[in-house]
Amino acid sequence: MIAFDLSCSNGHSFEGWFKDLESFNEQNSKGMITCPFCKSTNISRVLSPVAIKSSQGEGKSREIEPDYKKLATGIM
């Protein structure tokens, strides 16, 4: 199973779990994925901060801190 960060056309962000990327693409192309907030089926994947790699050399890693206040506000 793999978790993807998703977003609908209305700007709502949420997480979805899928067997693999192919499974996500198949379900999304059939309109089977819906936003839990507004029921939109216009869904796209967004990059997760965890998946972003830096071009900096070894020993120069930079942590990306999520904006927890913004995330919490988006949920409420």
C-alpha atoms as a PDB file:
ATOM      1  CA  MET A   1       0.000   0.000   0.000  1.00  0.00           C
ATOM      2  CA  ILE A   2       1.108   3.524  -0.734  1.00  0.00           C
ATOM      3  CA  ALA A   3      -0.282   6.828   0.540  1.00  0.00           C
ATOM      4  CA  PHE A   4      -0.620   9.796  -1.798  1.00  0.00           C
ATOM      5  CA  ASP A   5      -1.343  13.397  -0.881  1.00  0.00           C
ATOM      6  CA  LEU A   6      -4.296  14.438  -3.023  1.00  0.00           C
ATOM      7  CA  SER A   7      -6.098  17.651  -3.848  1.00  0.00           C
ATOM      8  CA  CYS A   8      -9.444  18.370  -5.487  1.00  0.00           C
ATOM      9  CA  SER A   9     -10.264  21.164  -7.926  1.00  0.00           C
ATOM     10  CA  ASN A  10     -11.769  23.133  -5.012  1.00  0.00           C
ATOM     11  CA  GLY A  11      -8.429  23.192  -3.166  1.00  0.00           C
ATOM     12  CA  HIS A  12      -9.209  20.608  -0.481  1.00  0.00           C
ATOM     13  CA  SER A  13      -6.246  18.443   0.528  1.00  0.00           C
ATOM     14  CA  PHE A  14      -6.543  14.880   1.751  1.00  0.00           C
ATOM     15  CA  GLU A  15      -4.717  11.556   1.749  1.00  0.00           C
ATOM     16  CA  GLY A  16      -5.541   8.416  -0.194  1.00  0.00           C
ATOM     17  CA  TRP A  17      -4.180   4.883   0.130  1.00  0.00           C
ATOM     18  CA  PHE A  18      -3.696   2.710  -2.951  1.00  0.00           C
ATOM     19  CA  LYS A  19      -2.140  -0.605  -3.915  1.00  0.00           C
ATOM     20  CA  ASP A  20       0.279   1.202  -6.247  1.00  0.00           C
ATOM     21  CA  LEU A  21       0.509   4.148  -8.657  1.00  0.00           C
ATOM     22  CA  GLU A  22      -1.223   2.178 -11.405  1.00  0.00           C
ATOM     23  CA  SER A  23      -4.173   1.524  -9.093  1.00  0.00           C
ATOM     24  CA  PHE A  24      -4.450   5.240  -8.287  1.00  0.00           C
ATOM     25  CA  ASN A  25      -4.299   6.201 -11.972  1.00  0.00           C
ATOM     26  CA  GLU A  26      -6.938   3.625 -12.922  1.00  0.00           C
ATOM     27  CA  GLN A  27      -9.348   4.663 -10.156  1.00  0.00           C
ATOM     28  CA  ASN A  28      -8.801   8.359 -10.839  1.00  0.00           C
ATOM     29  CA  SER A  29      -9.408   8.004 -14.589  1.00  0.00           C
ATOM     30  CA  LYS A  30     -12.733   6.276 -13.815  1.00  0.00           C
ATOM     31  CA  GLY A  31     -13.808   9.022 -11.369  1.00  0.00           C
ATOM     32  CA  MET A  32     -13.762   6.580  -8.464  1.00  0.00           C
ATOM     33  CA  ILE A  33     -11.834   8.908  -6.129  1.00  0.00           C
ATOM     34  CA  THR A  34     -13.896  11.627  -4.472  1.00  0.00           C
ATOM     35  CA  CYS A  35     -12.979  14.497  -2.194  1.00  0.00           C
ATOM     36  CA  PRO A  36     -14.225  13.737   1.338  1.00  0.00           C
ATOM     37  CA  PHE A  37     -15.121  17.412   1.810  1.00  0.00           C
ATOM     38  CA  CYS A  38     -17.003  18.396  -1.359  1.00  0.00           C
ATOM     39  CA  LYS A  39     -17.388  15.101  -3.285  1.00  0.00           C
ATOM     40  CA  SER A  40     -15.504  16.463  -6.319  1.00  0.00           C
ATOM     41  CA  THR A  41     -14.047  13.770  -8.575  1.00  0.00           C
ATOM     42  CA  ASN A  42     -11.521  16.144 -10.179  1.00  0.00           C
ATOM     43  CA  ILE A  43      -8.562  14.839  -8.145  1.00  0.00           C
ATOM     44  CA  SER A  44      -4.815  15.247  -8.606  1.00  0.00           C
ATOM     45  CA  ARG A  45      -1.737  14.080  -6.737  1.00  0.00           C
ATOM     46  CA  VAL A  46       0.378  16.669  -4.955  1.00  0.00           C
ATOM     47  CA  LEU A  47       3.988  16.270  -3.939  1.00  0.00           C
ATOM     48  CA  SER A  48       4.491  15.267  -0.349  1.00  0.00           C
ATOM     49  CA  PRO A  49       7.186  17.210   1.555  1.00  0.00           C
ATOM     50  CA  VAL A  50       8.596  13.825   2.566  1.00  0.00           C
ATOM     51  CA  ALA A  51       9.116  12.865  -1.093  1.00  0.00           C
ATOM     52  CA  ILE A  52      10.969  16.035  -2.090  1.00  0.00           C
ATOM     53  CA  LYS A  53      14.678  15.465  -2.568  1.00  0.00           C
ATOM     54  CA  SER A  54      17.194  18.256  -2.320  1.00  0.00           C
ATOM     55  CA  SER A  55      19.925  18.779  -4.894  1.00  0.00           C
ATOM     56  CA  GLN A  56      22.350  19.646  -2.093  1.00  0.00           C
ATOM     57  CA  GLY A  57      25.320  17.377  -1.577  1.00  0.00           C
ATOM     58  CA  GLU A  58      25.760  14.958   1.301  1.00  0.00           C
ATOM     59  CA  GLY A  59      25.911  16.534   4.732  1.00  0.00           C
ATOM     60  CA  LYS A  60      23.895  19.526   3.582  1.00  0.00           C
ATOM     61  CA  SER A  61      20.426  18.110   4.086  1.00  0.00           C
ATOM     62  CA  ARG A  62      17.652  20.557   4.792  1.00  0.00           C
ATOM     63  CA  GLU A  63      14.573  19.574   6.742  1.00  0.00           C
ATOM     64  CA  ILE A  64      11.249  20.786   5.439  1.00  0.00           C
ATOM     65  CA  GLU A  65       8.925  21.674   8.291  1.00  0.00           C
ATOM     66  CA  PRO A  66       5.216  21.545   7.502  1.00  0.00           C
ATOM     67  CA  ASP A  67       3.105  24.536   8.495  1.00  0.00           C
ATOM     68  CA  TYR A  68       1.011  22.713  11.111  1.00  0.00           C
ATOM     69  CA  LYS A  69      -1.166  25.746  11.834  1.00  0.00           C
ATOM     70  CA  LYS A  70      -2.098  26.053   8.145  1.00  0.00           C
ATOM     71  CA  LEU A  71      -2.756  22.313   7.935  1.00  0.00           C
ATOM     72  CA  ALA A  72      -4.986  22.359  11.018  1.00  0.00           C
ATOM     73  CA  THR A  73      -6.911  25.357   9.710  1.00  0.00           C
ATOM     74  CA  GLY A  74      -7.519  23.544   6.426  1.00  0.00           C
ATOM     75  CA  ILE A  75      -9.041  20.573   8.249  1.00  0.00           C
ATOM     76  CA  MET A  76     -11.484  22.590  10.326  1.00  0.00           C
END
